């Protein structure tokens, strides 16, 4: 599996005018969470789920497994 990159998180937050620091705080995550993800640490699925829920997109979208950010129910 390739290394996770937080570009989609940042892009989605920017498009929705969400401040990353505010999002991380609301999700109960540390401010360095995204930089840790980019430095090679594998993100916890629970953290990705929190971020996806906050951003209103799917975890698969954040992982780059789909280009469709919509949540499929």
PDB file of N, CA and C in Angstrom:
ATOM      1  N   UNK A   1       0.845  -1.179   0.000  1.00  0.00           N
ATOM      2  CA  UNK A   1       0.000   0.000   0.000  1.00  0.00           C
ATOM      3  C   UNK A   1       0.887   1.238   0.000  1.00  0.00           C
ATOM      4  N   UNK A   2       0.520   2.225  -0.773  1.00  0.00           N
ATOM      5  CA  UNK A   2       1.322   3.434  -0.838  1.00  0.00           C
ATOM      6  C   UNK A   2       1.096   4.294   0.401  1.00  0.00           C
ATOM      7  N   UNK A   3       2.032   5.184   0.627  1.00  0.00           N
ATOM      8  CA  UNK A   3       1.965   6.064   1.787  1.00  0.00           C
ATOM      9  C   UNK A   3       0.778   7.013   1.668  1.00  0.00           C
ATOM     10  N   UNK A   4       0.082   7.212   2.772  1.00  0.00           N
ATOM     11  CA  UNK A   4      -1.062   8.116   2.797  1.00  0.00           C
ATOM     12  C   UNK A   4      -0.587   9.554   2.641  1.00  0.00           C
ATOM     13  N   UNK A   5      -1.384  10.348   1.962  1.00  0.00           N
ATOM     14  CA  UNK A   5      -1.091  11.763   1.791  1.00  0.00           C
ATOM     15  C   UNK A   5      -2.352  12.542   2.140  1.00  0.00           C
ATOM     16  N   UNK A   6      -2.203  13.603   2.892  1.00  0.00           N
ATOM     17  CA  UNK A   6      -3.368  14.353   3.372  1.00  0.00           C
ATOM     18  C   UNK A   6      -3.868  15.408   2.383  1.00  0.00           C
ATOM     19  N   UNK A   7      -3.414  15.368   1.137  1.00  0.00           N
ATOM     20  CA  UNK A   7      -3.824  16.379   0.155  1.00  0.00           C
ATOM     21  C   UNK A   7      -5.340  16.451  -0.004  1.00  0.00           C
ATOM     22  N   UNK A   8      -5.999  15.310  -0.041  1.00  0.00           N
ATOM     23  CA  UNK A   8      -7.457  15.323  -0.232  1.00  0.00           C
ATOM     24  C   UNK A   8      -8.174  15.907   0.978  1.00  0.00           C
ATOM     25  N   UNK A   9      -7.648  15.670   2.149  1.00  0.00           N
ATOM     26  CA  UNK A   9      -8.242  16.262   3.351  1.00  0.00           C
ATOM     27  C   UNK A   9      -8.135  17.777   3.258  1.00  0.00           C
ATOM     28  N   UNK A  10      -6.940  18.249   2.943  1.00  0.00           N
ATOM     29  CA  UNK A  10      -6.709  19.693   2.858  1.00  0.00           C
ATOM     30  C   UNK A  10      -7.536  20.326   1.743  1.00  0.00           C
ATOM     31  N   UNK A  11      -7.600  19.659   0.599  1.00  0.00           N
ATOM     32  CA  UNK A  11      -8.361  20.178  -0.543  1.00  0.00           C
ATOM     33  C   UNK A  11      -9.851  20.272  -0.211  1.00  0.00           C
ATOM     34  N   UNK A  12     -10.390  19.216   0.384  1.00  0.00           N
ATOM     35  CA  UNK A  12     -11.812  19.197   0.724  1.00  0.00           C
ATOM     36  C   UNK A  12     -12.130  20.253   1.772  1.00  0.00           C
ATOM     37  N   UNK A  13     -11.274  20.378   2.768  1.00  0.00           N
ATOM     38  CA  UNK A  13     -11.478  21.396   3.801  1.00  0.00           C
ATOM     39  C   UNK A  13     -11.444  22.793   3.185  1.00  0.00           C
ATOM     40  N   UNK A  14     -10.496  23.035   2.306  1.00  0.00           N
ATOM     41  CA  UNK A  14     -10.377  24.345   1.655  1.00  0.00           C
ATOM     42  C   UNK A  14     -11.627  24.652   0.829  1.00  0.00           C
ATOM     43  N   UNK A  15     -12.120  23.659   0.083  1.00  0.00           N
ATOM     44  CA  UNK A  15     -13.316  23.859  -0.744  1.00  0.00           C
ATOM     45  C   UNK A  15     -14.539  24.184   0.111  1.00  0.00           C
ATOM     46  N   UNK A  16     -14.584  23.629   1.318  1.00  0.00           N
ATOM     47  CA  UNK A  16     -15.727  23.854   2.207  1.00  0.00           C
ATOM     48  C   UNK A  16     -15.470  24.983   3.206  1.00  0.00           C
ATOM     49  N   UNK A  17     -14.339  25.678   3.005  1.00  0.00           N
ATOM     50  CA  UNK A  17     -13.955  26.798   3.869  1.00  0.00           C
ATOM     51  C   UNK A  17     -13.868  26.382   5.345  1.00  0.00           C
ATOM     52  N   UNK A  18     -13.255  25.222   5.555  1.00  0.00           N
ATOM     53  CA  UNK A  18     -13.060  24.688   6.898  1.00  0.00           C
ATOM     54  C   UNK A  18     -11.603  24.901   7.290  1.00  0.00           C
ATOM     55  N   UNK A  19     -11.390  25.457   8.457  1.00  0.00           N
ATOM     56  CA  UNK A  19     -10.036  25.651   8.977  1.00  0.00           C
ATOM     57  C   UNK A  19      -9.559  24.314   9.547  1.00  0.00           C
ATOM     58  N   UNK A  20      -8.397  23.855   9.076  1.00  0.00           N
ATOM     59  CA  UNK A  20      -7.895  22.544   9.486  1.00  0.00           C
ATOM     60  C   UNK A  20      -7.756  22.421  11.000  1.00  0.00           C
ATOM     61  N   UNK A  21      -7.242  23.444  11.629  1.00  0.00           N
ATOM     62  CA  UNK A  21      -7.063  23.414  13.088  1.00  0.00           C
ATOM     63  C   UNK A  21      -8.408  23.213  13.786  1.00  0.00           C
ATOM     64  N   UNK A  22      -9.439  23.908  13.304  1.00  0.00           N
ATOM     65  CA  UNK A  22     -10.778  23.774  13.893  1.00  0.00           C
ATOM     66  C   UNK A  22     -11.330  22.366  13.677  1.00  0.00           C
ATOM     67  N   UNK A  23     -11.107  21.821  12.479  1.00  0.00           N
ATOM     68  CA  UNK A  23     -11.581  20.473  12.170  1.00  0.00           C
ATOM     69  C   UNK A  23     -10.919  19.448  13.086  1.00  0.00           C
ATOM     70  N   UNK A  24      -9.601  19.544  13.208  1.00  0.00           N
ATOM     71  CA  UNK A  24      -8.875  18.588  14.044  1.00  0.00           C
ATOM     72  C   UNK A  24      -9.327  18.679  15.496  1.00  0.00           C
ATOM     73  N   UNK A  25      -9.525  19.895  15.975  1.00  0.00           N
ATOM     74  CA  UNK A  25      -9.990  20.086  17.349  1.00  0.00           C
ATOM     75  C   UNK A  25     -11.380  19.479  17.538  1.00  0.00           C
ATOM     76  N   UNK A  26     -12.277  19.730  16.592  1.00  0.00           N
ATOM     77  CA  UNK A  26     -13.641  19.197  16.682  1.00  0.00           C
ATOM     78  C   UNK A  26     -13.648  17.667  16.639  1.00  0.00           C
ATOM     79  N   UNK A  27     -12.670  17.091  15.946  1.00  0.00           N
ATOM     80  CA  UNK A  27     -12.568  15.633  15.842  1.00  0.00           C
ATOM     81  C   UNK A  27     -11.806  15.018  17.016  1.00  0.00           C
ATOM     82  N   UNK A  28     -11.279  15.874  17.891  1.00  0.00           N
ATOM     83  CA  UNK A  28     -10.522  15.370  19.030  1.00  0.00           C
ATOM     84  C   UNK A  28      -9.143  14.861  18.653  1.00  0.00           C
ATOM     85  N   UNK A  29      -8.579  15.429  17.583  1.00  0.00           N
ATOM     86  CA  UNK A  29      -7.271  14.995  17.100  1.00  0.00           C
ATOM     87  C   UNK A  29      -6.226  16.079  17.351  1.00  0.00           C
ATOM     88  N   UNK A  30      -4.988  15.662  17.481  1.00  0.00           N
ATOM     89  CA  UNK A  30      -3.891  16.595  17.725  1.00  0.00           C
ATOM     90  C   UNK A  30      -3.622  17.443  16.485  1.00  0.00           C
ATOM     91  N   UNK A  31      -3.076  18.633  16.713  1.00  0.00           N
ATOM     92  CA  UNK A  31      -2.777  19.543  15.603  1.00  0.00           C
ATOM     93  C   UNK A  31      -1.767  18.959  14.622  1.00  0.00           C
ATOM     94  N   UNK A  32      -0.913  18.054  15.075  1.00  0.00           N
ATOM     95  CA  UNK A  32       0.110  17.484  14.196  1.00  0.00           C
ATOM     96  C   UNK A  32      -0.354  16.209  13.488  1.00  0.00           C
ATOM     97  N   UNK A  33      -1.629  15.892  13.567  1.00  0.00           N
ATOM     98  CA  UNK A  33      -2.156  14.665  12.966  1.00  0.00           C
ATOM     99  C   UNK A  33      -1.866  14.587  11.472  1.00  0.00           C
ATOM    100  N   UNK A  34      -2.136  15.655  10.733  1.00  0.00           N
ATOM    101  CA  UNK A  34      -1.940  15.621   9.281  1.00  0.00           C
ATOM    102  C   UNK A  34      -0.463  15.527   8.917  1.00  0.00           C
ATOM    103  N   UNK A  35       0.388  16.248   9.633  1.00  0.00           N
ATOM    104  CA  UNK A  35       1.818  16.160   9.321  1.00  0.00           C
ATOM    105  C   UNK A  35       2.351  14.772   9.654  1.00  0.00           C
ATOM    106  N   UNK A  36       1.827  14.152  10.705  1.00  0.00           N
ATOM    107  CA  UNK A  36       2.224  12.777  11.016  1.00  0.00           C
ATOM    108  C   UNK A  36       1.818  11.828   9.897  1.00  0.00           C
ATOM    109  N   UNK A  37       0.627  12.032   9.346  1.00  0.00           N
ATOM    110  CA  UNK A  37       0.162  11.189   8.241  1.00  0.00           C
ATOM    111  C   UNK A  37       1.085  11.331   7.038  1.00  0.00           C
ATOM    112  N   UNK A  38       1.524  12.547   6.767  1.00  0.00           N
ATOM    113  CA  UNK A  38       2.382  12.797   5.610  1.00  0.00           C
ATOM    114  C   UNK A  38       3.813  12.321   5.819  1.00  0.00           C
ATOM    115  N   UNK A  39       4.209  12.142   7.067  1.00  0.00           N
ATOM    116  CA  UNK A  39       5.589  11.731   7.334  1.00  0.00           C
ATOM    117  C   UNK A  39       5.750  10.215   7.371  1.00  0.00           C
ATOM    118  N   UNK A  40       4.710   9.505   6.970  1.00  0.00           N
ATOM    119  CA  UNK A  40       4.839   8.061   6.862  1.00  0.00           C
ATOM    120  C   UNK A  40       4.084   7.265   7.901  1.00  0.00           C
ATOM    121  N   UNK A  41       3.523   7.924   8.882  1.00  0.00           N
ATOM    122  CA  UNK A  41       2.730   7.193   9.874  1.00  0.00           C
ATOM    123  C   UNK A  41       1.386   6.824   9.266  1.00  0.00           C
ATOM    124  N   UNK A  42       1.028   5.584   9.398  1.00  0.00           N
ATOM    125  CA  UNK A  42      -0.253   5.122   8.875  1.00  0.00           C
ATOM    126  C   UNK A  42      -1.371   5.674   9.753  1.00  0.00           C
ATOM    127  N   UNK A  43      -2.329   6.370   9.140  1.00  0.00           N
ATOM    128  CA  UNK A  43      -3.417   6.934   9.945  1.00  0.00           C
ATOM    129  C   UNK A  43      -4.335   5.840  10.477  1.00  0.00           C
ATOM    130  N   UNK A  44      -4.825   6.044  11.677  1.00  0.00           N
ATOM    131  CA  UNK A  44      -5.798   5.111  12.235  1.00  0.00           C
ATOM    132  C   UNK A  44      -7.105   5.239  11.467  1.00  0.00           C
ATOM    133  N   UNK A  45      -7.749   4.119  11.229  1.00  0.00           N
ATOM    134  CA  UNK A  45      -9.020   4.160  10.499  1.00  0.00           C
ATOM    135  C   UNK A  45     -10.052   4.985  11.256  1.00  0.00           C
ATOM    136  N   UNK A  46     -10.000   4.951  12.577  1.00  0.00           N
ATOM    137  CA  UNK A  46     -10.956   5.735  13.365  1.00  0.00           C
ATOM    138  C   UNK A  46     -10.730   7.234  13.168  1.00  0.00           C
ATOM    139  N   UNK A  47      -9.478   7.647  13.023  1.00  0.00           N
ATOM    140  CA  UNK A  47      -9.190   9.062  12.777  1.00  0.00           C
ATOM    141  C   UNK A  47      -9.661   9.484  11.393  1.00  0.00           C
ATOM    142  N   UNK A  48      -9.434   8.631  10.400  1.00  0.00           N
ATOM    143  CA  UNK A  48      -9.908   8.942   9.049  1.00  0.00           C
ATOM    144  C   UNK A  48     -11.427   9.015   9.017  1.00  0.00           C
ATOM    145  N   UNK A  49     -12.083   8.138   9.759  1.00  0.00           N
ATOM    146  CA  UNK A  49     -13.550   8.154   9.807  1.00  0.00           C
ATOM    147  C   UNK A  49     -14.054   9.452  10.430  1.00  0.00           C
ATOM    148  N   UNK A  50     -13.407   9.907  11.497  1.00  0.00           N
ATOM    149  CA  UNK A  50     -13.800  11.170  12.133  1.00  0.00           C
ATOM    150  C   UNK A  50     -13.655  12.338  11.161  1.00  0.00           C
ATOM    151  N   UNK A  51     -12.527  12.365  10.452  1.00  0.00           N
ATOM    152  CA  UNK A  51     -12.275  13.450   9.502  1.00  0.00           C
ATOM    153  C   UNK A  51     -13.270  13.387   8.347  1.00  0.00           C
ATOM    154  N   UNK A  52     -13.505  12.192   7.819  1.00  0.00           N
ATOM    155  CA  UNK A  52     -14.459  12.038   6.713  1.00  0.00           C
ATOM    156  C   UNK A  52     -15.857  12.475   7.138  1.00  0.00           C
ATOM    157  N   UNK A  53     -16.271  12.083   8.326  1.00  0.00           N
ATOM    158  CA  UNK A  53     -17.585  12.499   8.831  1.00  0.00           C
ATOM    159  C   UNK A  53     -17.664  14.017   8.939  1.00  0.00           C
ATOM    160  N   UNK A  54     -16.621  14.622   9.457  1.00  0.00           N
ATOM    161  CA  UNK A  54     -16.606  16.080   9.623  1.00  0.00           C
ATOM    162  C   UNK A  54     -16.672  16.782   8.270  1.00  0.00           C
ATOM    163  N   UNK A  55     -15.944  16.236   7.293  1.00  0.00           N
ATOM    164  CA  UNK A  55     -15.900  16.852   5.961  1.00  0.00           C
ATOM    165  C   UNK A  55     -17.092  16.456   5.087  1.00  0.00           C
ATOM    166  N   UNK A  56     -17.853  15.466   5.523  1.00  0.00           N
ATOM    167  CA  UNK A  56     -19.002  15.019   4.741  1.00  0.00           C
ATOM    168  C   UNK A  56     -18.605  14.275   3.482  1.00  0.00           C
ATOM    169  N   UNK A  57     -17.549  13.482   3.579  1.00  0.00           N
ATOM    170  CA  UNK A  57     -17.110  12.690   2.430  1.00  0.00           C
ATOM    171  C   UNK A  57     -16.805  11.272   2.907  1.00  0.00           C
ATOM    172  N   UNK A  58     -16.457  10.414   1.973  1.00  0.00           N
ATOM    173  CA  UNK A  58     -16.173   9.027   2.339  1.00  0.00           C
ATOM    174  C   UNK A  58     -14.695   8.840   2.681  1.00  0.00           C
ATOM    175  N   UNK A  59     -14.423   7.840   3.491  1.00  0.00           N
ATOM    176  CA  UNK A  59     -13.040   7.476   3.800  1.00  0.00           C
ATOM    177  C   UNK A  59     -12.343   7.016   2.524  1.00  0.00           C
ATOM    178  N   UNK A  60     -13.064   6.301   1.672  1.00  0.00           N
ATOM    179  CA  UNK A  60     -12.477   5.850   0.401  1.00  0.00           C
ATOM    180  C   UNK A  60     -11.975   7.032  -0.423  1.00  0.00           C
ATOM    181  N   UNK A  61     -12.708   8.134  -0.407  1.00  0.00           N
ATOM    182  CA  UNK A  61     -12.267   9.332  -1.126  1.00  0.00           C
ATOM    183  C   UNK A  61     -10.970   9.865  -0.517  1.00  0.00           C
ATOM    184  N   UNK A  62     -10.915   9.944   0.802  1.00  0.00           N
ATOM    185  CA  UNK A  62      -9.705  10.443   1.461  1.00  0.00           C
ATOM    186  C   UNK A  62      -8.506   9.547   1.179  1.00  0.00           C
ATOM    187  N   UNK A  63      -8.761   8.251   1.045  1.00  0.00           N
ATOM    188  CA  UNK A  63      -7.684   7.300   0.768  1.00  0.00           C
ATOM    189  C   UNK A  63      -7.278   7.273  -0.704  1.00  0.00           C
ATOM    190  N   UNK A  64      -8.051   7.945  -1.553  1.00  0.00           N
ATOM    191  CA  UNK A  64      -7.740   7.946  -2.978  1.00  0.00           C
ATOM    192  C   UNK A  64      -8.241   6.710  -3.702  1.00  0.00           C
ATOM    193  N   UNK A  65      -9.143   5.973  -3.070  1.00  0.00           N
ATOM    194  CA  UNK A  65      -9.686   4.758  -3.686  1.00  0.00           C
ATOM    195  C   UNK A  65     -10.815   5.068  -4.651  1.00  0.00           C
ATOM    196  N   UNK A  66     -11.326   6.298  -4.592  1.00  0.00           N
ATOM    197  CA  UNK A  66     -12.353   6.764  -5.512  1.00  0.00           C
ATOM    198  C   UNK A  66     -12.175   8.266  -5.694  1.00  0.00           C
ATOM    199  N   UNK A  67     -12.620   8.751  -6.830  1.00  0.00           N
ATOM    200  CA  UNK A  67     -12.583  10.192  -7.067  1.00  0.00           C
ATOM    201  C   UNK A  67     -13.911  10.845  -6.717  1.00  0.00           C
ATOM    202  N   UNK A  68     -14.859  10.039  -6.272  1.00  0.00           N
ATOM    203  CA  UNK A  68     -16.178  10.529  -5.891  1.00  0.00           C
ATOM    204  C   UNK A  68     -16.214  10.727  -4.376  1.00  0.00           C
ATOM    205  N   UNK A  69     -16.334  11.970  -3.916  1.00  0.00           N
ATOM    206  CA  UNK A  69     -16.337  12.203  -2.472  1.00  0.00           C
ATOM    207  C   UNK A  69     -17.652  11.830  -1.782  1.00  0.00           C
ATOM    208  N   UNK A  70     -18.674  11.505  -2.571  1.00  0.00           N
ATOM    209  CA  UNK A  70     -19.986  11.198  -1.998  1.00  0.00           C
ATOM    210  C   UNK A  70     -19.926   9.969  -1.104  1.00  0.00           C
ATOM    211  N   UNK A  71     -20.731  10.004  -0.064  1.00  0.00           N
ATOM    212  CA  UNK A  71     -20.837   8.875   0.852  1.00  0.00           C
ATOM    213  C   UNK A  71     -21.896   7.933   0.304  1.00  0.00           C
ATOM    214  N   UNK A  72     -21.530   6.683   0.119  1.00  0.00           N
ATOM    215  CA  UNK A  72     -22.477   5.680  -0.374  1.00  0.00           C
ATOM    216  C   UNK A  72     -23.087   4.946   0.798  1.00  0.00           C
ATOM    217  N   UNK A  73     -24.406   4.959   0.853  1.00  0.00           N
ATOM    218  CA  UNK A  73     -25.104   4.269   1.947  1.00  0.00           C
ATOM    219  C   UNK A  73     -25.681   2.979   1.454  1.00  0.00           C
TER     220      UNK A  73
END
